[in-house]
Amino acid sequence: MRWLDLLRELSIAPGPPGREDEVRSLIEREIAAYVDEAFTDPFGNLYAVKRGSSEKKVMIAAHMDEVALMTRYIEENGFLRVTNLGGLNPTQLLAQRVLVHGKKKMRGVIGTLPVHVSKDEKLTMDDLYVDIGAESREQVSSMGIRPGTVITFDVPFIYQEETGTVIGKAFDDRLGCLVLIEVLKAVKPAVTIYGVFTSQEERGMKGATVATNRVQPDLAFVLEGTIASDVPNVPPHKHVTELGRGPAIRVMDRTVIVQEKLLEYMINIAEENKIKYQLQLSPTSGTDAAEISIRGKGAPVGIISVPSRYIHTPSSLAKIGDIEETIKLLSLLLESNLPFPPS
């Protein structure tokens, strides 16, 4: 895959909410030769502009940030108490390796007692701590670690050819970032595209709010790595999406109902081009589309996602074929006669 090494870099790069600098620099490097203009705003969003002959503006958003932790207190004996940045389940974090972003990146482990002495209790974030092997608060402070220091998961990226899968961290939403980068490289749009890599989606979709007010799009798409729940103990009627069935075209979620005209158009483009797709109804989750649809002058928003198992945990799993088909679908949409709303 031409983009496999890029996905590896995107996945490994740390980008907690409000600290997306490494991800942003990587994307800037990758898109520089393919767009007419690239710039950032004071909030931390990255914009990639590809101009077409039409005055119509299409905004495509993919968020750079990932769920992470933040140091909130340092114990006298050097353990770090933490709070979450984005939705995390404490029981899925036990014994995970992390990177603590002090003067340099220090490796640590999210602490838990071994089974020999532990009790069966429901955990909260207050029960978790990070152990970097320090012996005192002073030693921790000397490493540039203090309340507010961010902590990301230390997870390798794996391509498993035999099953056509990739495993890694931050697939929500580095998969969306990858799709947007690849489309910006290849597509020849008639309209002007504003590819926006947004900041702080996991903390209330704030970057999308800033970007929409700035761009004032006529139409928008949001790209996500989304919930694939086709796993044991989940009945088929509760599968939000499934791996191997292609990109998920969202019908609705907790914050948005996609306008029918745009939804039907996206489905038609997929079917006309024999792209495998699935329809997603996601009543408990949301995306940047929530803010894009109501900010600025208001805009119809389509949402296209790559299914990924175990999002919002340290490691996720996705299918190569689903990623390829998502890139193809978005490219075809942008090169088509899009259904812009009346002016």
C-alpha atoms as a PDB file:
ATOM      1  CA  MET A   1       0.000   0.000   0.000  1.00  0.00           C
ATOM      2  CA  ARG A   2       1.383   3.368  -1.016  1.00  0.00           C
ATOM      3  CA  TRP A   3       0.007   4.945   2.165  1.00  0.00           C
ATOM      4  CA  LEU A   4       0.904   2.278   4.734  1.00  0.00           C
ATOM      5  CA  ASP A   5       4.063   4.005   5.992  1.00  0.00           C
ATOM      6  CA  LEU A   6       2.145   7.271   6.274  1.00  0.00           C
ATOM      7  CA  LEU A   7      -0.553   5.624   8.379  1.00  0.00           C
ATOM      8  CA  ARG A   8       2.182   4.171  10.589  1.00  0.00           C
ATOM      9  CA  GLU A   9       3.591   7.655  11.177  1.00  0.00           C
ATOM     10  CA  LEU A  10       0.165   9.149  11.794  1.00  0.00           C
ATOM     11  CA  SER A  11      -0.765   6.432  14.265  1.00  0.00           C
ATOM     12  CA  ILE A  12       2.438   6.595  16.284  1.00  0.00           C
ATOM     13  CA  ALA A  13       2.601  10.406  16.413  1.00  0.00           C
ATOM     14  CA  PRO A  14       1.217  11.812  19.692  1.00  0.00           C
ATOM     15  CA  GLY A  15      -1.649  14.278  19.412  1.00  0.00           C
ATOM     16  CA  PRO A  16      -3.665  14.737  22.588  1.00  0.00           C
ATOM     17  CA  PRO A  17      -6.342  17.452  22.462  1.00  0.00           C
ATOM     18  CA  GLY A  18      -4.740  20.880  22.207  1.00  0.00           C
ATOM     19  CA  ARG A  19      -1.278  19.336  21.713  1.00  0.00           C
ATOM     20  CA  GLU A  20      -1.499  18.179  18.105  1.00  0.00           C
ATOM     21  CA  ASP A  21       1.793  19.781  16.999  1.00  0.00           C
ATOM     22  CA  GLU A  22       3.587  16.587  15.901  1.00  0.00           C
ATOM     23  CA  VAL A  23       0.599  15.366  13.916  1.00  0.00           C
ATOM     24  CA  ARG A  24       0.118  18.777  12.322  1.00  0.00           C
ATOM     25  CA  SER A  25       3.798  18.995  11.263  1.00  0.00           C
ATOM     26  CA  LEU A  26       3.625  15.523   9.744  1.00  0.00           C
ATOM     27  CA  ILE A  27       0.519  16.396   7.731  1.00  0.00           C
ATOM     28  CA  GLU A  28       1.979  19.740   6.585  1.00  0.00           C
ATOM     29  CA  ARG A  29       5.026  17.924   5.244  1.00  0.00           C
ATOM     30  CA  GLU A  30       2.886  15.380   3.438  1.00  0.00           C
ATOM     31  CA  ILE A  31       0.447  17.765   1.688  1.00  0.00           C
ATOM     32  CA  ALA A  32       2.765  20.673   0.846  1.00  0.00           C
ATOM     33  CA  ALA A  33       3.369  19.716  -2.786  1.00  0.00           C
ATOM     34  CA  TYR A  34      -0.281  18.925  -3.540  1.00  0.00           C
ATOM     35  CA  VAL A  35      -2.284  21.955  -2.427  1.00  0.00           C
ATOM     36  CA  ASP A  36      -2.474  25.608  -3.458  1.00  0.00           C
ATOM     37  CA  GLU A  37      -2.257  26.928   0.090  1.00  0.00           C
ATOM     38  CA  ALA A  38      -1.716  25.566   3.600  1.00  0.00           C
ATOM     39  CA  PHE A  39      -1.990  27.560   6.810  1.00  0.00           C
ATOM     40  CA  THR A  40      -2.905  27.258  10.472  1.00  0.00           C
ATOM     41  CA  ASP A  41      -5.148  29.377  12.648  1.00  0.00           C
ATOM     42  CA  PRO A  42      -4.530  30.530  16.232  1.00  0.00           C
ATOM     43  CA  PHE A  43      -6.601  27.636  17.590  1.00  0.00           C
ATOM     44  CA  GLY A  44      -4.359  25.000  15.991  1.00  0.00           C
ATOM     45  CA  ASN A  45      -6.400  23.863  12.979  1.00  0.00           C
ATOM     46  CA  LEU A  46      -4.508  23.129   9.759  1.00  0.00           C
ATOM     47  CA  TYR A  47      -6.131  24.195   6.464  1.00  0.00           C
ATOM     48  CA  ALA A  48      -5.235  22.764   3.048  1.00  0.00           C
ATOM     49  CA  VAL A  49      -6.801  24.637   0.138  1.00  0.00           C
ATOM     50  CA  LYS A  50      -7.149  23.167  -3.334  1.00  0.00           C
ATOM     51  CA  ARG A  51      -8.814  25.625  -5.686  1.00  0.00           C
ATOM     52  CA  GLY A  52     -11.275  24.777  -8.420  1.00  0.00           C
ATOM     53  CA  SER A  53     -13.040  26.870 -11.057  1.00  0.00           C
ATOM     54  CA  SER A  54     -16.269  27.188  -9.061  1.00  0.00           C
ATOM     55  CA  GLU A  55     -16.794  29.669  -6.233  1.00  0.00           C
ATOM     56  CA  LYS A  56     -18.542  26.970  -4.222  1.00  0.00           C
ATOM     57  CA  LYS A  57     -16.594  25.841  -1.157  1.00  0.00           C
ATOM     58  CA  VAL A  58     -16.518  22.302   0.208  1.00  0.00           C
ATOM     59  CA  MET A  59     -15.001  21.781   3.644  1.00  0.00           C
ATOM     60  CA  ILE A  60     -13.693  18.331   4.569  1.00  0.00           C
ATOM     61  CA  ALA A  61     -12.817  17.841   8.230  1.00  0.00           C
ATOM     62  CA  ALA A  62     -10.732  15.179   9.960  1.00  0.00           C
ATOM     63  CA  HIS A  63      -9.590  15.704  13.521  1.00  0.00           C
ATOM     64  CA  MET A  64      -5.941  15.389  14.533  1.00  0.00           C
ATOM     65  CA  ASP A  65      -6.386  14.810  18.245  1.00  0.00           C
ATOM     66  CA  GLU A  66      -6.691  11.497  20.059  1.00  0.00           C
ATOM     67  CA  VAL A  67      -8.033  10.404  23.427  1.00  0.00           C
ATOM     68  CA  ALA A  68      -5.306  10.703  26.044  1.00  0.00           C
ATOM     69  CA  LEU A  69      -4.535  11.421  29.690  1.00  0.00           C
ATOM     70  CA  MET A  70      -3.256  14.443  31.596  1.00  0.00           C
ATOM     71  CA  THR A  71      -1.277  14.594  34.825  1.00  0.00           C
ATOM     72  CA  ARG A  72      -3.384  16.204  37.541  1.00  0.00           C
ATOM     73  CA  TYR A  73      -1.335  15.486  40.686  1.00  0.00           C
ATOM     74  CA  ILE A  74       2.087  14.079  41.587  1.00  0.00           C
ATOM     75  CA  GLU A  75       2.283  11.882  44.674  1.00  0.00           C
ATOM     76  CA  GLU A  76       5.158  12.387  47.107  1.00  0.00           C
ATOM     77  CA  ASN A  77       6.572   9.008  46.051  1.00  0.00           C
ATOM     78  CA  GLY A  78       6.540   9.895  42.346  1.00  0.00           C
ATOM     79  CA  PHE A  79       3.333   8.319  41.052  1.00  0.00           C
ATOM     80  CA  LEU A  80       1.247  10.431  38.668  1.00  0.00           C
ATOM     81  CA  ARG A  81      -2.481  10.809  39.212  1.00  0.00           C
ATOM     82  CA  VAL A  82      -4.345  11.399  35.944  1.00  0.00           C
ATOM     83  CA  THR A  83      -7.506  12.691  34.350  1.00  0.00           C
ATOM     84  CA  ASN A  84      -8.867  11.769  30.943  1.00  0.00           C
ATOM     85  CA  LEU A  85      -8.838  13.852  27.766  1.00  0.00           C
ATOM     86  CA  GLY A  86     -11.747  12.416  25.810  1.00  0.00           C
ATOM     87  CA  GLY A  87     -13.923   9.394  26.476  1.00  0.00           C
ATOM     88  CA  LEU A  88     -11.949   6.565  28.071  1.00  0.00           C
ATOM     89  CA  ASN A  89     -13.069   3.520  30.055  1.00  0.00           C
ATOM     90  CA  PRO A  90     -10.725   3.076  33.059  1.00  0.00           C
ATOM     91  CA  THR A  91     -11.051  -0.717  32.979  1.00  0.00           C
ATOM     92  CA  GLN A  92      -9.555  -0.757  29.452  1.00  0.00           C
ATOM     93  CA  LEU A  93      -6.421   1.121  30.538  1.00  0.00           C
ATOM     94  CA  LEU A  94      -4.960  -1.141  33.197  1.00  0.00           C
ATOM     95  CA  ALA A  95      -1.273  -2.062  32.746  1.00  0.00           C
ATOM     96  CA  GLN A  96      -1.052  -0.156  29.446  1.00  0.00           C
ATOM     97  CA  ARG A  97       2.257   1.415  28.451  1.00  0.00           C
ATOM     98  CA  VAL A  98       2.263   5.191  28.098  1.00  0.00           C
ATOM     99  CA  LEU A  99       4.485   8.123  27.135  1.00  0.00           C
ATOM    100  CA  VAL A 100       4.664  11.036  29.573  1.00  0.00           C
ATOM    101  CA  HIS A 101       5.537  14.228  27.698  1.00  0.00           C
ATOM    102  CA  GLY A 102       7.948  16.040  30.022  1.00  0.00           C
ATOM    103  CA  LYS A 103      11.306  17.535  28.986  1.00  0.00           C
ATOM    104  CA  LYS A 104      11.646  14.334  27.035  1.00  0.00           C
ATOM    105  CA  LYS A 105       9.194  11.481  26.565  1.00  0.00           C
ATOM    106  CA  MET A 106       9.322   9.168  29.572  1.00  0.00           C
ATOM    107  CA  ARG A 107       7.851   5.677  29.358  1.00  0.00           C
ATOM    108  CA  GLY A 108       5.543   4.477  32.075  1.00  0.00           C
ATOM    109  CA  VAL A 109       2.806   1.989  32.968  1.00  0.00           C
ATOM    110  CA  ILE A 110      -0.745   2.652  34.097  1.00  0.00           C
ATOM    111  CA  GLY A 111      -0.677   1.148  37.547  1.00  0.00           C
ATOM    112  CA  THR A 112      -2.727  -1.740  38.800  1.00  0.00           C
ATOM    113  CA  LEU A 113      -2.205  -4.412  41.413  1.00  0.00           C
ATOM    114  CA  PRO A 114      -1.373  -7.961  40.270  1.00  0.00           C
ATOM    115  CA  VAL A 115      -4.147 -10.509  40.478  1.00  0.00           C
ATOM    116  CA  HIS A 116      -2.614 -12.056  43.612  1.00  0.00           C
ATOM    117  CA  VAL A 117      -3.514  -9.037  45.763  1.00  0.00           C
ATOM    118  CA  SER A 118      -6.193  -7.196  43.789  1.00  0.00           C
ATOM    119  CA  LYS A 119      -9.912  -7.052  44.466  1.00  0.00           C
ATOM    120  CA  ASP A 120     -12.828  -7.184  42.053  1.00  0.00           C
ATOM    121  CA  GLU A 121     -13.917  -3.561  42.155  1.00  0.00           C
ATOM    122  CA  LYS A 122     -15.346  -1.173  39.600  1.00  0.00           C
ATOM    123  CA  LEU A 123     -12.613   1.260  38.647  1.00  0.00           C
ATOM    124  CA  THR A 124     -12.872   5.007  38.092  1.00  0.00           C
ATOM    125  CA  MET A 125     -10.267   7.430  36.724  1.00  0.00           C
ATOM    126  CA  ASP A 126      -9.501   8.361  40.335  1.00  0.00           C
ATOM    127  CA  ASP A 127      -8.163   4.841  40.901  1.00  0.00           C
ATOM    128  CA  LEU A 128      -5.603   5.057  38.093  1.00  0.00           C
ATOM    129  CA  TYR A 129      -2.033   6.299  38.284  1.00  0.00           C
ATOM    130  CA  VAL A 130       1.030   6.244  36.040  1.00  0.00           C
ATOM    131  CA  ASP A 131       4.292   4.720  37.227  1.00  0.00           C
ATOM    132  CA  ILE A 132       7.472   5.926  35.481  1.00  0.00           C
ATOM    133  CA  GLY A 133       9.728   4.377  38.082  1.00  0.00           C
ATOM    134  CA  ALA A 134      10.423   7.665  39.868  1.00  0.00           C
ATOM    135  CA  GLU A 135      11.071   7.694  43.601  1.00  0.00           C
ATOM    136  CA  SER A 136       9.908  11.170  44.588  1.00  0.00           C
ATOM    137  CA  ARG A 137       7.879  14.202  43.556  1.00  0.00           C
ATOM    138  CA  GLU A 138      11.141  16.141  43.201  1.00  0.00           C
ATOM    139  CA  GLN A 139      12.557  13.609  40.770  1.00  0.00           C
ATOM    140  CA  VAL A 140       9.407  13.788  38.671  1.00  0.00           C
ATOM    141  CA  SER A 141       9.511  17.601  38.655  1.00  0.00           C
ATOM    142  CA  SER A 142      13.148  17.561  37.534  1.00  0.00           C
ATOM    143  CA  MET A 143      12.006  15.706  34.407  1.00  0.00           C
ATOM    144  CA  GLY A 144       9.703  18.593  33.478  1.00  0.00           C
ATOM    145  CA  ILE A 145       6.579  16.696  34.502  1.00  0.00           C
ATOM    146  CA  ARG A 146       3.936  18.705  36.350  1.00  0.00           C
ATOM    147  CA  PRO A 147       0.163  18.984  36.612  1.00  0.00           C
ATOM    148  CA  GLY A 148      -1.007  19.526  33.025  1.00  0.00           C
ATOM    149  CA  THR A 149       1.657  17.329  31.423  1.00  0.00           C
ATOM    150  CA  VAL A 150      -0.017  15.161  28.779  1.00  0.00           C
ATOM    151  CA  ILE A 151       0.257  11.387  28.556  1.00  0.00           C
ATOM    152  CA  THR A 152      -0.316   9.316  25.415  1.00  0.00           C
ATOM    153  CA  PHE A 153      -0.434   5.578  24.801  1.00  0.00           C
ATOM    154  CA  ASP A 154       2.773   3.806  23.770  1.00  0.00           C
ATOM    155  CA  VAL A 155       1.515   1.395  21.123  1.00  0.00           C
ATOM    156  CA  PRO A 156       3.307  -0.059  18.074  1.00  0.00           C
ATOM    157  CA  PHE A 157       1.779  -0.001  14.599  1.00  0.00           C
ATOM    158  CA  ILE A 158       1.290  -3.417  13.015  1.00  0.00           C
ATOM    159  CA  TYR A 159       0.348  -4.416   9.465  1.00  0.00           C
ATOM    160  CA  GLN A 160      -0.881  -7.989   9.331  1.00  0.00           C
ATOM    161  CA  GLU A 161      -0.877  -9.043   5.699  1.00  0.00           C
ATOM    162  CA  GLU A 162      -2.496 -12.417   6.321  1.00  0.00           C
ATOM    163  CA  THR A 163      -5.733 -10.839   7.564  1.00  0.00           C
ATOM    164  CA  GLY A 164      -5.494  -7.547   5.654  1.00  0.00           C
ATOM    165  CA  THR A 165      -5.599  -5.561   8.871  1.00  0.00           C
ATOM    166  CA  VAL A 166      -3.740  -2.785  10.650  1.00  0.00           C
ATOM    167  CA  ILE A 167      -3.467  -2.421  14.423  1.00  0.00           C
ATOM    168  CA  GLY A 168      -2.425   0.751  16.206  1.00  0.00           C
ATOM    169  CA  LYS A 169      -3.424   3.698  18.340  1.00  0.00           C
ATOM    170  CA  ALA A 170      -5.437   6.798  17.481  1.00  0.00           C
ATOM    171  CA  PHE A 171      -7.324   5.328  14.508  1.00  0.00           C
ATOM    172  CA  ASP A 172     -10.004   7.785  15.679  1.00  0.00           C
ATOM    173  CA  ASP A 173      -9.172   9.873  13.777  1.00  0.00           C
ATOM    174  CA  ARG A 174      -5.838   9.295  12.075  1.00  0.00           C
ATOM    175  CA  LEU A 175      -7.736   7.079   9.629  1.00  0.00           C
ATOM    176  CA  GLY A 176      -9.772  10.149   8.655  1.00  0.00           C
ATOM    177  CA  CYS A 177      -6.588  12.223   8.402  1.00  0.00           C
ATOM    178  CA  LEU A 178      -5.036   9.605   6.114  1.00  0.00           C
ATOM    179  CA  VAL A 179      -8.092   9.544   3.841  1.00  0.00           C
ATOM    180  CA  LEU A 180      -8.100  13.339   3.575  1.00  0.00           C
ATOM    181  CA  ILE A 181      -4.363  13.484   2.805  1.00  0.00           C
ATOM    182  CA  GLU A 182      -4.654  10.859   0.078  1.00  0.00           C
ATOM    183  CA  VAL A 183      -7.662  12.567  -1.486  1.00  0.00           C
ATOM    184  CA  LEU A 184      -5.937  15.961  -1.464  1.00  0.00           C
ATOM    185  CA  LYS A 185      -3.011  14.399  -3.312  1.00  0.00           C
ATOM    186  CA  ALA A 186      -5.107  12.799  -6.037  1.00  0.00           C
ATOM    187  CA  VAL A 187      -8.354  14.644  -6.611  1.00  0.00           C
ATOM    188  CA  LYS A 188      -8.922  17.259  -9.340  1.00  0.00           C
ATOM    189  CA  PRO A 189     -11.990  19.108  -8.051  1.00  0.00           C
ATOM    190  CA  ALA A 190     -14.198  21.551  -9.918  1.00  0.00           C
ATOM    191  CA  VAL A 191     -15.015  23.289  -6.632  1.00  0.00           C
ATOM    192  CA  THR A 192     -12.639  24.759  -4.073  1.00  0.00           C
ATOM    193  CA  ILE A 193     -11.767  22.304  -1.335  1.00  0.00           C
ATOM    194  CA  TYR A 194     -10.846  23.306   2.191  1.00  0.00           C
ATOM    195  CA  GLY A 195      -9.350  20.265   3.839  1.00  0.00           C
ATOM    196  CA  VAL A 196      -9.310  21.054   7.555  1.00  0.00           C
ATOM    197  CA  PHE A 197      -7.402  18.958  10.058  1.00  0.00           C
ATOM    198  CA  THR A 198      -9.143  20.032  13.231  1.00  0.00           C
ATOM    199  CA  SER A 199      -7.978  20.445  16.809  1.00  0.00           C
ATOM    200  CA  GLN A 200      -9.727  19.339  20.011  1.00  0.00           C
ATOM    201  CA  GLU A 201     -12.576  17.304  18.563  1.00  0.00           C
ATOM    202  CA  GLU A 202     -12.350  15.005  21.563  1.00  0.00           C
ATOM    203  CA  ARG A 203     -12.954  17.964  23.880  1.00  0.00           C
ATOM    204  CA  GLY A 204     -16.149  19.312  22.369  1.00  0.00           C
ATOM    205  CA  MET A 205     -15.455  19.739  18.633  1.00  0.00           C
ATOM    206  CA  LYS A 206     -13.974  23.170  19.264  1.00  0.00           C
ATOM    207  CA  GLY A 207     -11.630  23.267  16.270  1.00  0.00           C
ATOM    208  CA  ALA A 208     -14.485  22.549  13.881  1.00  0.00           C
ATOM    209  CA  THR A 209     -16.407  25.508  15.283  1.00  0.00           C
ATOM    210  CA  VAL A 210     -13.506  27.871  14.621  1.00  0.00           C
ATOM    211  CA  ALA A 211     -12.852  26.434  11.159  1.00  0.00           C
ATOM    212  CA  THR A 212     -16.467  26.572   9.998  1.00  0.00           C
ATOM    213  CA  ASN A 213     -16.845  30.196  11.025  1.00  0.00           C
ATOM    214  CA  ARG A 214     -13.695  30.947   9.061  1.00  0.00           C
ATOM    215  CA  VAL A 215     -14.373  28.931   5.883  1.00  0.00           C
ATOM    216  CA  GLN A 216     -18.168  29.449   5.653  1.00  0.00           C
ATOM    217  CA  PRO A 217     -18.587  26.294   3.510  1.00  0.00           C
ATOM    218  CA  ASP A 218     -21.472  25.652   1.152  1.00  0.00           C
ATOM    219  CA  LEU A 219     -21.225  21.912   1.758  1.00  0.00           C
ATOM    220  CA  ALA A 220     -19.087  19.762   4.049  1.00  0.00           C
ATOM    221  CA  PHE A 221     -17.929  16.229   4.727  1.00  0.00           C
ATOM    222  CA  VAL A 222     -16.523  14.792   7.935  1.00  0.00           C
ATOM    223  CA  LEU A 223     -14.126  11.848   7.931  1.00  0.00           C
ATOM    224  CA  GLU A 224     -13.871   9.552  10.938  1.00  0.00           C
ATOM    225  CA  GLY A 225     -12.524   6.299  12.272  1.00  0.00           C
ATOM    226  CA  THR A 226     -15.776   4.994  13.679  1.00  0.00           C
ATOM    227  CA  ILE A 227     -17.204   2.327  15.985  1.00  0.00           C
ATOM    228  CA  ALA A 228     -17.097  -1.219  14.596  1.00  0.00           C
ATOM    229  CA  SER A 229     -18.985  -3.333  17.097  1.00  0.00           C
ATOM    230  CA  ASP A 230     -19.117  -6.616  15.165  1.00  0.00           C
ATOM    231  CA  VAL A 231     -17.532  -8.529  18.053  1.00  0.00           C
ATOM    232  CA  PRO A 232     -18.590 -11.356  20.387  1.00  0.00           C
ATOM    233  CA  ASN A 233     -21.550 -10.678  22.686  1.00  0.00           C
ATOM    234  CA  VAL A 234     -22.933  -7.897  20.468  1.00  0.00           C
ATOM    235  CA  PRO A 235     -25.993  -9.050  18.474  1.00  0.00           C
ATOM    236  CA  PRO A 236     -26.096  -8.130  14.767  1.00  0.00           C
ATOM    237  CA  HIS A 237     -28.892  -5.582  15.227  1.00  0.00           C
ATOM    238  CA  LYS A 238     -26.583  -3.619  17.540  1.00  0.00           C
ATOM    239  CA  HIS A 239     -23.606  -3.544  15.176  1.00  0.00           C
ATOM    240  CA  VAL A 240     -22.913   0.148  14.582  1.00  0.00           C
ATOM    241  CA  THR A 241     -20.622  -0.808  11.700  1.00  0.00           C
ATOM    242  CA  GLU A 242     -18.787  -3.951  10.649  1.00  0.00           C
ATOM    243  CA  LEU A 243     -15.266  -4.532   9.361  1.00  0.00           C
ATOM    244  CA  GLY A 244     -14.914  -5.510   5.716  1.00  0.00           C
ATOM    245  CA  ARG A 245     -18.170  -3.961   4.530  1.00  0.00           C
ATOM    246  CA  GLY A 246     -16.628  -0.759   3.218  1.00  0.00           C
ATOM    247  CA  PRO A 247     -16.986   2.872   4.296  1.00  0.00           C
ATOM    248  CA  ALA A 248     -19.825   3.772   6.643  1.00  0.00           C
ATOM    249  CA  ILE A 249     -22.154   6.458   5.304  1.00  0.00           C
ATOM    250  CA  ARG A 250     -23.810   7.951   8.351  1.00  0.00           C
ATOM    251  CA  VAL A 251     -27.561   8.451   8.427  1.00  0.00           C
ATOM    252  CA  MET A 252     -27.730   9.945  11.926  1.00  0.00           C
ATOM    253  CA  ASP A 253     -25.998  10.158  15.269  1.00  0.00           C
ATOM    254  CA  ARG A 254     -26.548  11.808  18.639  1.00  0.00           C
ATOM    255  CA  THR A 255     -26.085  15.308  17.193  1.00  0.00           C
ATOM    256  CA  VAL A 256     -26.865  15.208  13.458  1.00  0.00           C
ATOM    257  CA  ILE A 257     -29.395  13.851  11.002  1.00  0.00           C
ATOM    258  CA  VAL A 258     -27.814  13.970   7.535  1.00  0.00           C
ATOM    259  CA  GLN A 259     -29.980  15.834   5.030  1.00  0.00           C
ATOM    260  CA  GLU A 260     -31.819  13.355   2.836  1.00  0.00           C
ATOM    261  CA  LYS A 261     -30.767  14.826  -0.513  1.00  0.00           C
ATOM    262  CA  LEU A 262     -27.073  14.625   0.392  1.00  0.00           C
ATOM    263  CA  LEU A 263     -27.426  11.170   1.923  1.00  0.00           C
ATOM    264  CA  GLU A 264     -29.113   9.775  -1.197  1.00  0.00           C
ATOM    265  CA  TYR A 265     -26.483  11.392  -3.400  1.00  0.00           C
ATOM    266  CA  MET A 266     -23.651   9.749  -1.457  1.00  0.00           C
ATOM    267  CA  ILE A 267     -25.376   6.362  -1.673  1.00  0.00           C
ATOM    268  CA  ASN A 268     -25.930   6.757  -5.425  1.00  0.00           C
ATOM    269  CA  ILE A 269     -22.278   7.615  -6.065  1.00  0.00           C
ATOM    270  CA  ALA A 270     -21.193   4.525  -4.130  1.00  0.00           C
ATOM    271  CA  GLU A 271     -23.624   2.242  -5.950  1.00  0.00           C
ATOM    272  CA  GLU A 272     -22.935   3.645  -9.426  1.00  0.00           C
ATOM    273  CA  ASN A 273     -19.225   2.997  -8.909  1.00  0.00           C
ATOM    274  CA  LYS A 274     -19.698  -0.417  -7.268  1.00  0.00           C
ATOM    275  CA  ILE A 275     -18.153   0.719  -3.989  1.00  0.00           C
ATOM    276  CA  LYS A 276     -19.067  -1.482  -1.081  1.00  0.00           C
ATOM    277  CA  TYR A 277     -20.644   0.651   1.681  1.00  0.00           C
ATOM    278  CA  GLN A 278     -22.740   0.370   4.824  1.00  0.00           C
ATOM    279  CA  LEU A 279     -25.231   2.712   6.445  1.00  0.00           C
ATOM    280  CA  GLN A 280     -24.439   3.850   9.969  1.00  0.00           C
ATOM    281  CA  LEU A 281     -26.908   4.842  12.652  1.00  0.00           C
ATOM    282  CA  SER A 282     -25.021   5.880  15.762  1.00  0.00           C
ATOM    283  CA  PRO A 283     -27.411   7.240  18.408  1.00  0.00           C
ATOM    284  CA  THR A 284     -24.807   7.654  21.174  1.00  0.00           C
ATOM    285  CA  SER A 285     -21.831   9.233  19.389  1.00  0.00           C
ATOM    286  CA  GLY A 286     -21.074  12.446  17.504  1.00  0.00           C
ATOM    287  CA  THR A 287     -18.493  14.063  15.222  1.00  0.00           C
ATOM    288  CA  ASP A 288     -17.310  17.482  14.075  1.00  0.00           C
ATOM    289  CA  ALA A 289     -20.426  17.518  11.874  1.00  0.00           C
ATOM    290  CA  ALA A 290     -22.424  18.667  14.905  1.00  0.00           C
ATOM    291  CA  GLU A 291     -20.687  22.046  14.863  1.00  0.00           C
ATOM    292  CA  ILE A 292     -20.088  22.341  11.111  1.00  0.00           C
ATOM    293  CA  SER A 293     -23.798  21.956  10.333  1.00  0.00           C
ATOM    294  CA  ILE A 294     -24.884  24.902  12.506  1.00  0.00           C
ATOM    295  CA  ARG A 295     -21.935  27.337  12.453  1.00  0.00           C
ATOM    296  CA  GLY A 296     -21.232  30.030   9.906  1.00  0.00           C
ATOM    297  CA  LYS A 297     -24.190  30.194   7.567  1.00  0.00           C
ATOM    298  CA  GLY A 298     -25.111  26.534   8.176  1.00  0.00           C
ATOM    299  CA  ALA A 299     -24.219  23.765   5.735  1.00  0.00           C
ATOM    300  CA  PRO A 300     -25.337  20.254   4.803  1.00  0.00           C
ATOM    301  CA  VAL A 301     -22.771  17.761   6.119  1.00  0.00           C
ATOM    302  CA  GLY A 302     -22.084  14.214   4.982  1.00  0.00           C
ATOM    303  CA  ILE A 303     -20.167  11.848   7.258  1.00  0.00           C
ATOM    304  CA  ILE A 304     -17.999   9.043   5.889  1.00  0.00           C
ATOM    305  CA  SER A 305     -16.143   6.760   8.258  1.00  0.00           C
ATOM    306  CA  VAL A 306     -13.671   3.894   8.260  1.00  0.00           C
ATOM    307  CA  PRO A 307     -14.925   1.136  10.609  1.00  0.00           C
ATOM    308  CA  SER A 308     -12.444   0.421  13.395  1.00  0.00           C
ATOM    309  CA  ARG A 309     -12.769  -1.950  16.324  1.00  0.00           C
ATOM    310  CA  TYR A 310     -11.879  -0.766  19.835  1.00  0.00           C
ATOM    311  CA  ILE A 311     -11.733   3.006  19.253  1.00  0.00           C
ATOM    312  CA  HIS A 312     -11.157   5.094  22.376  1.00  0.00           C
ATOM    313  CA  THR A 313      -8.868   2.363  23.745  1.00  0.00           C
ATOM    314  CA  PRO A 314      -5.070   2.147  23.435  1.00  0.00           C
ATOM    315  CA  SER A 315      -5.182  -0.167  20.370  1.00  0.00           C
ATOM    316  CA  SER A 316      -7.618  -0.344  17.461  1.00  0.00           C
ATOM    317  CA  LEU A 317      -7.966  -2.666  14.458  1.00  0.00           C
ATOM    318  CA  ALA A 318      -9.119  -1.799  10.929  1.00  0.00           C
ATOM    319  CA  LYS A 319      -9.215  -3.374   7.472  1.00  0.00           C
ATOM    320  CA  ILE A 320      -7.025  -2.224   4.589  1.00  0.00           C
ATOM    321  CA  GLY A 321      -9.890  -2.728   2.114  1.00  0.00           C
ATOM    322  CA  ASP A 322     -12.230  -0.430   4.054  1.00  0.00           C
ATOM    323  CA  ILE A 323      -9.610   2.336   4.023  1.00  0.00           C
ATOM    324  CA  GLU A 324      -9.040   1.996   0.271  1.00  0.00           C
ATOM    325  CA  GLU A 325     -12.759   2.103  -0.479  1.00  0.00           C
ATOM    326  CA  THR A 326     -13.221   5.199   1.697  1.00  0.00           C
ATOM    327  CA  ILE A 327     -10.488   7.039  -0.212  1.00  0.00           C
ATOM    328  CA  LYS A 328     -12.149   6.027  -3.477  1.00  0.00           C
ATOM    329  CA  LEU A 329     -15.634   7.121  -2.405  1.00  0.00           C
ATOM    330  CA  LEU A 330     -14.576  10.569  -1.217  1.00  0.00           C
ATOM    331  CA  SER A 331     -12.503  11.155  -4.363  1.00  0.00           C
ATOM    332  CA  LEU A 332     -15.467  10.314  -6.589  1.00  0.00           C
ATOM    333  CA  LEU A 333     -17.764  12.576  -4.581  1.00  0.00           C
ATOM    334  CA  LEU A 334     -15.428  15.553  -4.900  1.00  0.00           C
ATOM    335  CA  GLU A 335     -15.036  15.066  -8.647  1.00  0.00           C
ATOM    336  CA  SER A 336     -18.797  14.776  -9.161  1.00  0.00           C
ATOM    337  CA  ASN A 337     -21.556  17.349  -9.545  1.00  0.00           C
ATOM    338  CA  LEU A 338     -22.252  17.789  -5.852  1.00  0.00           C
ATOM    339  CA  PRO A 339     -25.785  18.691  -4.675  1.00  0.00           C
ATOM    340  CA  PHE A 340     -25.199  22.144  -3.272  1.00  0.00           C
ATOM    341  CA  PRO A 341     -28.157  23.717  -1.463  1.00  0.00           C
ATOM    342  CA  PRO A 342     -29.841  26.772  -2.998  1.00  0.00           C
ATOM    343  CA  SER A 343     -27.983  30.034  -2.348  1.00  0.00           C
END
